[in-house]
PDB file of N, CA and C in Angstrom:
ATOM      1  N   MET A   1      47.936   6.974 -69.882  1.00  0.00           N
ATOM      2  CA  MET A   1      47.340   5.888 -69.138  1.00  0.00           C
ATOM      3  C   MET A   1      47.808   4.568 -69.743  1.00  0.00           C
ATOM      4  N   ALA A   2      48.212   3.645 -68.914  1.00  0.00           N
ATOM      5  CA  ALA A   2      48.679   2.339 -69.374  1.00  0.00           C
ATOM      6  C   ALA A   2      47.504   1.489 -69.834  1.00  0.00           C
ATOM      7  N   GLY A   3      47.743   0.707 -70.886  1.00  0.00           N
ATOM      8  CA  GLY A   3      46.716  -0.193 -71.387  1.00  0.00           C
ATOM      9  C   GLY A   3      46.642  -1.462 -70.558  1.00  0.00           C
ATOM     10  N   ALA A   4      45.584  -2.215 -70.744  1.00  0.00           N
ATOM     11  CA  ALA A   4      45.358  -3.450 -69.989  1.00  0.00           C
ATOM     12  C   ALA A   4      46.455  -4.482 -70.220  1.00  0.00           C
ATOM     13  N   LEU A   5      47.116  -4.426 -71.368  1.00  0.00           N
ATOM     14  CA  LEU A   5      48.152  -5.415 -71.677  1.00  0.00           C
ATOM     15  C   LEU A   5      49.564  -4.830 -71.636  1.00  0.00           C
ATOM     16  N   THR A   6      49.723  -3.668 -71.039  1.00  0.00           N
ATOM     17  CA  THR A   6      51.047  -3.064 -70.912  1.00  0.00           C
ATOM     18  C   THR A   6      51.980  -4.033 -70.191  1.00  0.00           C
ATOM     19  N   GLY A   7      53.146  -4.254 -70.772  1.00  0.00           N
ATOM     20  CA  GLY A   7      54.125  -5.174 -70.193  1.00  0.00           C
ATOM     21  C   GLY A   7      54.032  -6.589 -70.724  1.00  0.00           C
ATOM     22  N   VAL A   8      52.980  -6.903 -71.477  1.00  0.00           N
ATOM     23  CA  VAL A   8      52.819  -8.237 -72.058  1.00  0.00           C
ATOM     24  C   VAL A   8      53.566  -8.281 -73.395  1.00  0.00           C
ATOM     25  N   LYS A   9      54.386  -9.309 -73.571  1.00  0.00           N
ATOM     26  CA  LYS A   9      55.153  -9.476 -74.807  1.00  0.00           C
ATOM     27  C   LYS A   9      54.479 -10.534 -75.674  1.00  0.00           C
ATOM     28  N   VAL A  10      54.171 -10.152 -76.920  1.00  0.00           N
ATOM     29  CA  VAL A  10      53.476 -11.035 -77.853  1.00  0.00           C
ATOM     30  C   VAL A  10      54.371 -11.288 -79.059  1.00  0.00           C
ATOM     31  N   LEU A  11      54.509 -12.550 -79.430  1.00  0.00           N
ATOM     32  CA  LEU A  11      55.205 -12.908 -80.664  1.00  0.00           C
ATOM     33  C   LEU A  11      54.161 -13.415 -81.642  1.00  0.00           C
ATOM     34  N   GLU A  12      54.118 -12.809 -82.800  1.00  0.00           N
ATOM     35  CA  GLU A  12      53.127 -13.159 -83.829  1.00  0.00           C
ATOM     36  C   GLU A  12      53.837 -13.718 -85.061  1.00  0.00           C
ATOM     37  N   VAL A  13      53.526 -14.968 -85.391  1.00  0.00           N
ATOM     38  CA  VAL A  13      54.000 -15.582 -86.634  1.00  0.00           C
ATOM     39  C   VAL A  13      52.734 -15.853 -87.427  1.00  0.00           C
ATOM     40  N   ALA A  14      52.289 -14.856 -88.155  1.00  0.00           N
ATOM     41  CA  ALA A  14      50.986 -14.932 -88.813  1.00  0.00           C
ATOM     42  C   ALA A  14      50.985 -14.082 -90.080  1.00  0.00           C
ATOM     43  N   THR A  15      50.071 -14.417 -90.971  1.00  0.00           N
ATOM     44  CA  THR A  15      49.955 -13.690 -92.223  1.00  0.00           C
ATOM     45  C   THR A  15      48.510 -13.301 -92.477  1.00  0.00           C
ATOM     46  N   TRP A  16      48.341 -12.485 -93.443  1.00  0.00           N
ATOM     47  CA  TRP A  16      47.043 -12.015 -93.910  1.00  0.00           C
ATOM     48  C   TRP A  16      46.308 -11.233 -92.839  1.00  0.00           C
ATOM     49  N   ILE A  17      45.070 -11.556 -92.523  1.00  0.00           N
ATOM     50  CA  ILE A  17      44.249 -10.587 -91.810  1.00  0.00           C
ATOM     51  C   ILE A  17      43.866 -10.997 -90.383  1.00  0.00           C
ATOM     52  N   ALA A  18      43.254 -12.150 -90.186  1.00  0.00           N
ATOM     53  CA  ALA A  18      42.612 -12.463 -88.906  1.00  0.00           C
ATOM     54  C   ALA A  18      43.568 -12.425 -87.712  1.00  0.00           C
ATOM     55  N   MET A  19      44.639 -13.175 -87.734  1.00  0.00           N
ATOM     56  CA  MET A  19      45.548 -13.191 -86.579  1.00  0.00           C
ATOM     57  C   MET A  19      46.292 -11.865 -86.450  1.00  0.00           C
ATOM     58  N   PRO A  20      46.759 -11.245 -87.543  1.00  0.00           N
ATOM     59  CA  PRO A  20      47.358  -9.916 -87.384  1.00  0.00           C
ATOM     60  C   PRO A  20      46.386  -8.896 -86.790  1.00  0.00           C
ATOM     61  N   ALA A  21      45.099  -9.021 -87.090  1.00  0.00           N
ATOM     62  CA  ALA A  21      44.117  -8.106 -86.490  1.00  0.00           C
ATOM     63  C   ALA A  21      44.048  -8.325 -84.978  1.00  0.00           C
ATOM     64  N   ALA A  22      44.145  -9.570 -84.532  1.00  0.00           N
ATOM     65  CA  ALA A  22      44.159  -9.857 -83.096  1.00  0.00           C
ATOM     66  C   ALA A  22      45.404  -9.243 -82.455  1.00  0.00           C
ATOM     67  N   GLY A  23      46.543  -9.353 -83.142  1.00  0.00           N
ATOM     68  CA  GLY A  23      47.768  -8.735 -82.639  1.00  0.00           C
ATOM     69  C   GLY A  23      47.648  -7.222 -82.563  1.00  0.00           C
ATOM     70  N   MET A  24      46.972  -6.627 -83.548  1.00  0.00           N
ATOM     71  CA  MET A  24      46.740  -5.186 -83.552  1.00  0.00           C
ATOM     72  C   MET A  24      45.954  -4.774 -82.308  1.00  0.00           C
ATOM     73  N   LEU A  25      44.909  -5.553 -81.986  1.00  0.00           N
ATOM     74  CA  LEU A  25      44.108  -5.231 -80.803  1.00  0.00           C
ATOM     75  C   LEU A  25      44.936  -5.340 -79.528  1.00  0.00           C
ATOM     76  N   MET A  26      45.807  -6.347 -79.462  1.00  0.00           N
ATOM     77  CA  MET A  26      46.670  -6.480 -78.283  1.00  0.00           C
ATOM     78  C   MET A  26      47.633  -5.304 -78.196  1.00  0.00           C
ATOM     79  N   ALA A  27      48.180  -4.876 -79.351  1.00  0.00           N
ATOM     80  CA  ALA A  27      49.061  -3.699 -79.367  1.00  0.00           C
ATOM     81  C   ALA A  27      48.292  -2.451 -78.942  1.00  0.00           C
ATOM     82  N   ASP A  28      47.055  -2.319 -79.415  1.00  0.00           N
ATOM     83  CA  ASP A  28      46.225  -1.176 -79.013  1.00  0.00           C
ATOM     84  C   ASP A  28      46.027  -1.137 -77.497  1.00  0.00           C
ATOM     85  N   MET A  29      46.016  -2.306 -76.862  1.00  0.00           N
ATOM     86  CA  MET A  29      45.816  -2.374 -75.412  1.00  0.00           C
ATOM     87  C   MET A  29      47.136  -2.328 -74.647  1.00  0.00           C
ATOM     88  N   GLY A  30      48.237  -2.038 -75.355  1.00  0.00           N
ATOM     89  CA  GLY A  30      49.508  -1.817 -74.685  1.00  0.00           C
ATOM     90  C   GLY A  30      50.531  -2.919 -74.791  1.00  0.00           C
ATOM     91  N   ALA A  31      50.182  -4.056 -75.395  1.00  0.00           N
ATOM     92  CA  ALA A  31      51.150  -5.153 -75.513  1.00  0.00           C
ATOM     93  C   ALA A  31      52.280  -4.767 -76.467  1.00  0.00           C
ATOM     94  N   ASP A  32      53.445  -5.334 -76.218  1.00  0.00           N
ATOM     95  CA  ASP A  32      54.598  -5.187 -77.112  1.00  0.00           C
ATOM     96  C   ASP A  32      54.517  -6.353 -78.095  1.00  0.00           C
ATOM     97  N   VAL A  33      54.068  -6.084 -79.321  1.00  0.00           N
ATOM     98  CA  VAL A  33      53.846  -7.136 -80.315  1.00  0.00           C
ATOM     99  C   VAL A  33      54.968  -7.114 -81.342  1.00  0.00           C
ATOM    100  N   VAL A  34      55.604  -8.269 -81.533  1.00  0.00           N
ATOM    101  CA  VAL A  34      56.629  -8.433 -82.556  1.00  0.00           C
ATOM    102  C   VAL A  34      56.083  -9.383 -83.610  1.00  0.00           C
ATOM    103  N   LYS A  35      56.015  -8.906 -84.831  1.00  0.00           N
ATOM    104  CA  LYS A  35      55.504  -9.698 -85.951  1.00  0.00           C
ATOM    105  C   LYS A  35      56.698 -10.279 -86.706  1.00  0.00           C
ATOM    106  N   VAL A  36      56.674 -11.600 -86.905  1.00  0.00           N
ATOM    107  CA  VAL A  36      57.707 -12.272 -87.687  1.00  0.00           C
ATOM    108  C   VAL A  36      57.203 -12.402 -89.116  1.00  0.00           C
ATOM    109  N   GLU A  37      57.993 -11.887 -90.050  1.00  0.00           N
ATOM    110  CA  GLU A  37      57.654 -11.985 -91.468  1.00  0.00           C
ATOM    111  C   GLU A  37      58.760 -12.722 -92.202  1.00  0.00           C
ATOM    112  N   ALA A  38      58.409 -13.307 -93.333  1.00  0.00           N
ATOM    113  CA  ALA A  38      59.403 -13.916 -94.206  1.00  0.00           C
ATOM    114  C   ALA A  38      60.314 -12.808 -94.746  1.00  0.00           C
ATOM    115  N   PRO A  39      61.517 -13.151 -95.198  1.00  0.00           N
ATOM    116  CA  PRO A  39      62.423 -12.126 -95.719  1.00  0.00           C
ATOM    117  C   PRO A  39      61.805 -11.226 -96.794  1.00  0.00           C
ATOM    118  N   GLY A  40      60.901 -11.737 -97.592  1.00  0.00           N
ATOM    119  CA  GLY A  40      60.226 -10.914 -98.599  1.00  0.00           C
ATOM    120  C   GLY A  40      59.036 -10.149 -98.055  1.00  0.00           C
ATOM    121  N   GLY A  41      58.713 -10.334 -96.778  1.00  0.00           N
ATOM    122  CA  GLY A  41      57.579  -9.666 -96.149  1.00  0.00           C
ATOM    123  C   GLY A  41      56.320 -10.512 -96.210  1.00  0.00           C
ATOM    124  N   ASP A  42      55.387 -10.192 -95.353  1.00  0.00           N
ATOM    125  CA  ASP A  42      54.074 -10.831 -95.342  1.00  0.00           C
ATOM    126  C   ASP A  42      53.434 -10.632 -96.719  1.00  0.00           C
ATOM    127  N   THR A  43      52.843 -11.672 -97.267  1.00  0.00           N
ATOM    128  CA  THR A  43      52.206 -11.582 -98.583  1.00  0.00           C
ATOM    129  C   THR A  43      51.177 -10.462 -98.618  1.00  0.00           C
ATOM    130  N   TRP A  44      50.452 -10.279 -97.540  1.00  0.00           N
ATOM    131  CA  TRP A  44      49.423  -9.245 -97.472  1.00  0.00           C
ATOM    132  C   TRP A  44      50.025  -7.843 -97.574  1.00  0.00           C
ATOM    133  N   ARG A  45      51.266  -7.671 -97.107  1.00  0.00           N
ATOM    134  CA  ARG A  45      51.944  -6.374 -97.156  1.00  0.00           C
ATOM    135  C   ARG A  45      52.020  -5.863 -98.594  1.00  0.00           C
ATOM    136  N   GLY A  46      52.365  -6.730 -99.520  1.00  0.00           N
ATOM    137  CA  GLY A  46      52.544  -6.317-100.910  1.00  0.00           C
ATOM    138  C   GLY A  46      51.288  -6.374-101.758  1.00  0.00           C
ATOM    139  N   SER A  47      50.207  -6.880-101.194  1.00  0.00           N
ATOM    140  CA  SER A  47      48.961  -6.982-101.954  1.00  0.00           C
ATOM    141  C   SER A  47      48.294  -5.617-102.031  1.00  0.00           C
ATOM    142  N   ARG A  48      47.424  -5.481-103.001  1.00  0.00           N
ATOM    143  CA  ARG A  48      46.670  -4.236-103.139  1.00  0.00           C
ATOM    144  C   ARG A  48      45.214  -4.495-102.798  1.00  0.00           C
ATOM    145  N   THR A  49      44.523  -3.479-102.424  1.00  0.00           N
ATOM    146  CA  THR A  49      43.106  -3.590-102.131  1.00  0.00           C
ATOM    147  C   THR A  49      42.352  -3.852-103.430  1.00  0.00           C
ATOM    148  N   PRO A  50      41.100  -4.317-103.353  1.00  0.00           N
ATOM    149  CA  PRO A  50      40.345  -4.604-104.578  1.00  0.00           C
ATOM    150  C   PRO A  50      40.296  -3.439-105.565  1.00  0.00           C
ATOM    151  N   ARG A  51      40.282  -2.221-105.048  1.00  0.00           N
ATOM    152  CA  ARG A  51      40.228  -1.057-105.937  1.00  0.00           C
ATOM    153  C   ARG A  51      41.614  -0.510-106.263  1.00  0.00           C
ATOM    154  N   GLY A  52      42.634  -1.164-105.762  1.00  0.00           N
ATOM    155  CA  GLY A  52      44.003  -0.751-106.069  1.00  0.00           C
ATOM    156  C   GLY A  52      44.506   0.434-105.261  1.00  0.00           C
ATOM    157  N   GLN A  53      43.806   0.788-104.157  1.00  0.00           N
ATOM    158  CA  GLN A  53      44.255   1.928-103.359  1.00  0.00           C
ATOM    159  C   GLN A  53      45.587   1.627-102.683  1.00  0.00           C
ATOM    160  N   THR A  54      46.316   2.662-102.422  1.00  0.00           N
ATOM    161  CA  THR A  54      47.542   2.529-101.651  1.00  0.00           C
ATOM    162  C   THR A  54      47.492   3.519-100.500  1.00  0.00           C
ATOM    163  N   GLY A  55      48.268   3.238 -99.481  1.00  0.00           N
ATOM    164  CA  GLY A  55      48.317   4.103 -98.315  1.00  0.00           C
ATOM    165  C   GLY A  55      49.301   5.243 -98.498  1.00  0.00           C
ATOM    166  N   PRO A  56      49.527   6.034 -97.441  1.00  0.00           N
ATOM    167  CA  PRO A  56      50.399   7.198 -97.533  1.00  0.00           C
ATOM    168  C   PRO A  56      51.842   6.850 -97.879  1.00  0.00           C
ATOM    169  N   LEU A  57      52.252   5.653 -97.552  1.00  0.00           N
ATOM    170  CA  LEU A  57      53.616   5.229 -97.879  1.00  0.00           C
ATOM    171  C   LEU A  57      53.648   4.336 -99.116  1.00  0.00           C
ATOM    172  N   GLY A  58      52.519   4.249 -99.811  1.00  0.00           N
ATOM    173  CA  GLY A  58      52.455   3.453-101.025  1.00  0.00           C
ATOM    174  C   GLY A  58      52.067   2.011-100.805  1.00  0.00           C
ATOM    175  N   GLY A  59      51.907   1.599 -99.556  1.00  0.00           N
ATOM    176  CA  GLY A  59      51.580   0.210 -99.263  1.00  0.00           C
ATOM    177  C   GLY A  59      50.095  -0.052 -99.195  1.00  0.00           C
ATOM    178  N   ASN A  60      49.757  -1.206 -98.691  1.00  0.00           N
ATOM    179  CA  ASN A  60      48.377  -1.646 -98.561  1.00  0.00           C
ATOM    180  C   ASN A  60      47.789  -1.070 -97.270  1.00  0.00           C
ATOM    181  N   PRO A  61      46.785  -0.184 -97.358  1.00  0.00           N
ATOM    182  CA  PRO A  61      46.224   0.415 -96.143  1.00  0.00           C
ATOM    183  C   PRO A  61      45.655  -0.615 -95.169  1.00  0.00           C
ATOM    184  N   SER A  62      45.083  -1.704 -95.682  1.00  0.00           N
ATOM    185  CA  SER A  62      44.550  -2.744 -94.794  1.00  0.00           C
ATOM    186  C   SER A  62      45.672  -3.413 -94.019  1.00  0.00           C
ATOM    187  N   PHE A  63      46.790  -3.684 -94.674  1.00  0.00           N
ATOM    188  CA  PHE A  63      47.946  -4.263 -93.994  1.00  0.00           C
ATOM    189  C   PHE A  63      48.440  -3.302 -92.922  1.00  0.00           C
ATOM    190  N   GLU A  64      48.561  -2.028 -93.296  1.00  0.00           N
ATOM    191  CA  GLU A  64      49.049  -1.027 -92.348  1.00  0.00           C
ATOM    192  C   GLU A  64      48.139  -0.936 -91.122  1.00  0.00           C
ATOM    193  N   LEU A  65      46.839  -1.013 -91.330  1.00  0.00           N
ATOM    194  CA  LEU A  65      45.883  -0.958 -90.224  1.00  0.00           C
ATOM    195  C   LEU A  65      46.041  -2.174 -89.310  1.00  0.00           C
ATOM    196  N   ASP A  66      46.069  -3.377 -89.901  1.00  0.00           N
ATOM    197  CA  ASP A  66      46.138  -4.608 -89.108  1.00  0.00           C
ATOM    198  C   ASP A  66      47.480  -4.804 -88.414  1.00  0.00           C
ATOM    199  N   ASN A  67      48.463  -4.034 -88.779  1.00  0.00           N
ATOM    200  CA  ASN A  67      49.791  -4.215 -88.198  1.00  0.00           C
ATOM    201  C   ASN A  67      50.305  -2.973 -87.485  1.00  0.00           C
ATOM    202  N   ARG A  68      49.406  -2.031 -87.219  1.00  0.00           N
ATOM    203  CA  ARG A  68      49.826  -0.818 -86.503  1.00  0.00           C
ATOM    204  C   ARG A  68      50.239  -1.173 -85.082  1.00  0.00           C
ATOM    205  N   GLY A  69      51.188  -0.419 -84.587  1.00  0.00           N
ATOM    206  CA  GLY A  69      51.615  -0.596 -83.202  1.00  0.00           C
ATOM    207  C   GLY A  69      52.526  -1.783 -82.967  1.00  0.00           C
ATOM    208  N   LYS A  70      52.951  -2.459 -84.034  1.00  0.00           N
ATOM    209  CA  LYS A  70      53.803  -3.646 -83.888  1.00  0.00           C
ATOM    210  C   LYS A  70      55.219  -3.329 -84.353  1.00  0.00           C
ATOM    211  N   ARG A  71      56.134  -4.123 -83.862  1.00  0.00           N
ATOM    212  CA  ARG A  71      57.477  -4.147 -84.435  1.00  0.00           C
ATOM    213  C   ARG A  71      57.512  -5.347 -85.367  1.00  0.00           C
ATOM    214  N   SER A  72      58.377  -5.308 -86.356  1.00  0.00           N
ATOM    215  CA  SER A  72      58.426  -6.396 -87.319  1.00  0.00           C
ATOM    216  C   SER A  72      59.871  -6.824 -87.531  1.00  0.00           C
ATOM    217  N   ILE A  73      60.040  -8.123 -87.723  1.00  0.00           N
ATOM    218  CA  ILE A  73      61.366  -8.664 -87.995  1.00  0.00           C
ATOM    219  C   ILE A  73      61.235  -9.697 -89.103  1.00  0.00           C
ATOM    220  N   ALA A  74      62.174  -9.672 -90.034  1.00  0.00           N
ATOM    221  CA  ALA A  74      62.189 -10.656 -91.122  1.00  0.00           C
ATOM    222  C   ALA A  74      63.079 -11.823 -90.709  1.00  0.00           C
ATOM    223  N   ILE A  75      62.501 -13.020 -90.734  1.00  0.00           N
ATOM    224  CA  ILE A  75      63.237 -14.228 -90.352  1.00  0.00           C
ATOM    225  C   ILE A  75      62.916 -15.328 -91.355  1.00  0.00           C
ATOM    226  N   ASN A  76      63.939 -16.004 -91.829  1.00  0.00           N
ATOM    227  CA  ASN A  76      63.747 -17.136 -92.729  1.00  0.00           C
ATOM    228  C   ASN A  76      63.494 -18.383 -91.879  1.00  0.00           C
ATOM    229  N   LEU A  77      62.231 -18.773 -91.777  1.00  0.00           N
ATOM    230  CA  LEU A  77      61.870 -19.912 -90.929  1.00  0.00           C
ATOM    231  C   LEU A  77      62.245 -21.255 -91.545  1.00  0.00           C
ATOM    232  N   ASP A  78      62.678 -21.260 -92.798  1.00  0.00           N
ATOM    233  CA  ASP A  78      63.153 -22.505 -93.406  1.00  0.00           C
ATOM    234  C   ASP A  78      64.608 -22.784 -93.034  1.00  0.00           C
ATOM    235  N   HIS A  79      65.293 -21.801 -92.497  1.00  0.00           N
ATOM    236  CA  HIS A  79      66.711 -21.951 -92.143  1.00  0.00           C
ATOM    237  C   HIS A  79      66.821 -22.291 -90.654  1.00  0.00           C
ATOM    238  N   PRO A  80      67.724 -23.214 -90.302  1.00  0.00           N
ATOM    239  CA  PRO A  80      67.885 -23.584 -88.881  1.00  0.00           C
ATOM    240  C   PRO A  80      68.167 -22.386 -87.980  1.00  0.00           C
ATOM    241  N   ASP A  81      68.950 -21.417 -88.462  1.00  0.00           N
ATOM    242  CA  ASP A  81      69.236 -20.232 -87.644  1.00  0.00           C
ATOM    243  C   ASP A  81      67.970 -19.420 -87.405  1.00  0.00           C
ATOM    244  N   GLY A  82      67.108 -19.347 -88.414  1.00  0.00           N
ATOM    245  CA  GLY A  82      65.840 -18.628 -88.270  1.00  0.00           C
ATOM    246  C   GLY A  82      64.955 -19.297 -87.236  1.00  0.00           C
ATOM    247  N   LYS A  83      64.901 -20.615 -87.275  1.00  0.00           N
ATOM    248  CA  LYS A  83      64.111 -21.356 -86.283  1.00  0.00           C
ATOM    249  C   LYS A  83      64.655 -21.129 -84.878  1.00  0.00           C
ATOM    250  N   ALA A  84      65.980 -21.049 -84.748  1.00  0.00           N
ATOM    251  CA  ALA A  84      66.600 -20.814 -83.439  1.00  0.00           C
ATOM    252  C   ALA A  84      66.252 -19.416 -82.921  1.00  0.00           C
ATOM    253  N   VAL A  85      66.220 -18.434 -83.804  1.00  0.00           N
ATOM    254  CA  VAL A  85      65.858 -17.073 -83.394  1.00  0.00           C
ATOM    255  C   VAL A  85      64.417 -17.046 -82.905  1.00  0.00           C
ATOM    256  N   VAL A  86      63.512 -17.685 -83.641  1.00  0.00           N
ATOM    257  CA  VAL A  86      62.107 -17.709 -83.229  1.00  0.00           C
ATOM    258  C   VAL A  86      61.960 -18.435 -81.893  1.00  0.00           C
ATOM    259  N   ARG A  87      62.694 -19.501 -81.693  1.00  0.00           N
ATOM    260  CA  ARG A  87      62.628 -20.225 -80.421  1.00  0.00           C
ATOM    261  C   ARG A  87      63.031 -19.309 -79.256  1.00  0.00           C
ATOM    262  N   ARG A  88      64.093 -18.513 -79.466  1.00  0.00           N
ATOM    263  CA  ARG A  88      64.518 -17.572 -78.414  1.00  0.00           C
ATOM    264  C   ARG A  88      63.459 -16.489 -78.182  1.00  0.00           C
ATOM    265  N   LEU A  89      62.852 -16.018 -79.270  1.00  0.00           N
ATOM    266  CA  LEU A  89      61.799 -15.008 -79.136  1.00  0.00           C
ATOM    267  C   LEU A  89      60.582 -15.567 -78.392  1.00  0.00           C
ATOM    268  N   VAL A  90      60.227 -16.813 -78.680  1.00  0.00           N
ATOM    269  CA  VAL A  90      59.103 -17.446 -77.980  1.00  0.00           C
ATOM    270  C   VAL A  90      59.403 -17.536 -76.484  1.00  0.00           C
ATOM    271  N   GLN A  91      60.613 -17.927 -76.146  1.00  0.00           N
ATOM    272  CA  GLN A  91      60.977 -18.068 -74.731  1.00  0.00           C
ATOM    273  C   GLN A  91      60.910 -16.738 -73.984  1.00  0.00           C
ATOM    274  N   ALA A  92      61.115 -15.629 -74.711  1.00  0.00           N
ATOM    275  CA  ALA A  92      61.080 -14.300 -74.094  1.00  0.00           C
ATOM    276  C   ALA A  92      59.685 -13.673 -74.149  1.00  0.00           C
ATOM    277  N   SER A  93      58.714 -14.395 -74.702  1.00  0.00           N
ATOM    278  CA  SER A  93      57.364 -13.849 -74.881  1.00  0.00           C
ATOM    279  C   SER A  93      56.379 -14.444 -73.882  1.00  0.00           C
ATOM    280  N   ASP A  94      55.322 -13.676 -73.632  1.00  0.00           N
ATOM    281  CA  ASP A  94      54.233 -14.155 -72.791  1.00  0.00           C
ATOM    282  C   ASP A  94      53.148 -14.838 -73.612  1.00  0.00           C
ATOM    283  N   VAL A  95      53.008 -14.400 -74.868  1.00  0.00           N
ATOM    284  CA  VAL A  95      51.954 -14.891 -75.752  1.00  0.00           C
ATOM    285  C   VAL A  95      52.565 -15.199 -77.113  1.00  0.00           C
ATOM    286  N   PHE A  96      52.155 -16.316 -77.701  1.00  0.00           N
ATOM    287  CA  PHE A  96      52.564 -16.671 -79.064  1.00  0.00           C
ATOM    288  C   PHE A  96      51.294 -16.849 -79.892  1.00  0.00           C
ATOM    289  N   THR A  97      51.207 -16.154 -81.010  1.00  0.00           N
ATOM    290  CA  THR A  97      50.051 -16.302 -81.889  1.00  0.00           C
ATOM    291  C   THR A  97      50.510 -16.699 -83.284  1.00  0.00           C
ATOM    292  N   THR A  98      49.699 -17.537 -83.912  1.00  0.00           N
ATOM    293  CA  THR A  98      49.972 -17.934 -85.285  1.00  0.00           C
ATOM    294  C   THR A  98      48.674 -18.353 -85.950  1.00  0.00           C
ATOM    295  N   ASN A  99      48.626 -18.210 -87.247  1.00  0.00           N
ATOM    296  CA  ASN A  99      47.507 -18.741 -88.013  1.00  0.00           C
ATOM    297  C   ASN A  99      48.022 -19.638 -89.135  1.00  0.00           C
ATOM    298  N   LEU A 100      49.258 -20.097 -88.988  1.00  0.00           N
ATOM    299  CA  LEU A 100      49.819 -21.003 -89.984  1.00  0.00           C
ATOM    300  C   LEU A 100      49.112 -22.359 -89.904  1.00  0.00           C
ATOM    301  N   VAL A 101      48.914 -22.974 -91.043  1.00  0.00           N
ATOM    302  CA  VAL A 101      48.303 -24.303 -91.058  1.00  0.00           C
ATOM    303  C   VAL A 101      49.273 -25.290 -90.415  1.00  0.00           C
ATOM    304  N   GLU A 102      48.745 -26.410 -89.946  1.00  0.00           N
ATOM    305  CA  GLU A 102      49.540 -27.399 -89.211  1.00  0.00           C
ATOM    306  C   GLU A 102      50.806 -27.810 -89.963  1.00  0.00           C
ATOM    307  N   GLN A 103      50.692 -28.026 -91.255  1.00  0.00           N
ATOM    308  CA  GLN A 103      51.860 -28.452 -92.049  1.00  0.00           C
ATOM    309  C   GLN A 103      52.991 -27.421 -91.954  1.00  0.00           C
ATOM    310  N   ARG A 104      52.654 -26.149 -92.045  1.00  0.00           N
ATOM    311  CA  ARG A 104      53.688 -25.102 -91.934  1.00  0.00           C
ATOM    312  C   ARG A 104      54.201 -24.975 -90.507  1.00  0.00           C
ATOM    313  N   ARG A 105      53.325 -25.114 -89.525  1.00  0.00           N
ATOM    314  CA  ARG A 105      53.782 -25.051 -88.133  1.00  0.00           C
ATOM    315  C   ARG A 105      54.805 -26.150 -87.877  1.00  0.00           C
ATOM    316  N   GLN A 106      54.570 -27.337 -88.415  1.00  0.00           N
ATOM    317  CA  GLN A 106      55.531 -28.433 -88.268  1.00  0.00           C
ATOM    318  C   GLN A 106      56.824 -28.122 -89.018  1.00  0.00           C
ATOM    319  N   ARG A 107      56.701 -27.645 -90.236  1.00  0.00           N
ATOM    320  CA  ARG A 107      57.873 -27.324 -91.071  1.00  0.00           C
ATOM    321  C   ARG A 107      58.748 -26.268 -90.404  1.00  0.00           C
ATOM    322  N   TYR A 108      58.120 -25.274 -89.777  1.00  0.00           N
ATOM    323  CA  TYR A 108      58.865 -24.184 -89.151  1.00  0.00           C
ATOM    324  C   TYR A 108      59.175 -24.454 -87.682  1.00  0.00           C
ATOM    325  N   ALA A 109      58.740 -25.589 -87.155  1.00  0.00           N
ATOM    326  CA  ALA A 109      58.984 -25.969 -85.757  1.00  0.00           C
ATOM    327  C   ALA A 109      58.367 -24.954 -84.794  1.00  0.00           C
ATOM    328  N   VAL A 110      57.104 -24.589 -85.058  1.00  0.00           N
ATOM    329  CA  VAL A 110      56.377 -23.689 -84.158  1.00  0.00           C
ATOM    330  C   VAL A 110      55.070 -24.320 -83.691  1.00  0.00           C
ATOM    331  N   THR A 111      55.088 -25.623 -83.476  1.00  0.00           N
ATOM    332  CA  THR A 111      53.913 -26.306 -82.945  1.00  0.00           C
ATOM    333  C   THR A 111      53.908 -26.155 -81.421  1.00  0.00           C
ATOM    334  N   TYR A 112      52.821 -26.506 -80.794  1.00  0.00           N
ATOM    335  CA  TYR A 112      52.725 -26.412 -79.335  1.00  0.00           C
ATOM    336  C   TYR A 112      53.833 -27.226 -78.671  1.00  0.00           C
ATOM    337  N   SER A 113      54.078 -28.435 -79.165  1.00  0.00           N
ATOM    338  CA  SER A 113      55.100 -29.280 -78.536  1.00  0.00           C
ATOM    339  C   SER A 113      56.516 -28.721 -78.750  1.00  0.00           C
ATOM    340  N   ASP A 114      56.729 -27.988 -79.828  1.00  0.00           N
ATOM    341  CA  ASP A 114      58.042 -27.366 -80.036  1.00  0.00           C
ATOM    342  C   ASP A 114      58.285 -26.299 -78.988  1.00  0.00           C
TER     343      ASP A 114
END
């Protein structure tokens, strides 16, 4: 059975928990979610839980949960070529989500006006 968001393309430029959790819910409902991470990966990816647990692949189970059902791409948003790739991805997407603070959105050229 198709989900309510089947066919919807979502681009997520977000870190940590809240916005990735929203992307997870959209993926659960059938959206095609692409998560943009820095070349070293989302900081939350490499973090450990308070008790130091790891998931089946050795990673952070909370990160794995909040990012299930997504595709991921590493892009250097400080580089002009990286910004150009994100701009093309935004143009091909129906939804853009981010939880970056305003200063970073400006630095990476992912503000509403961009």
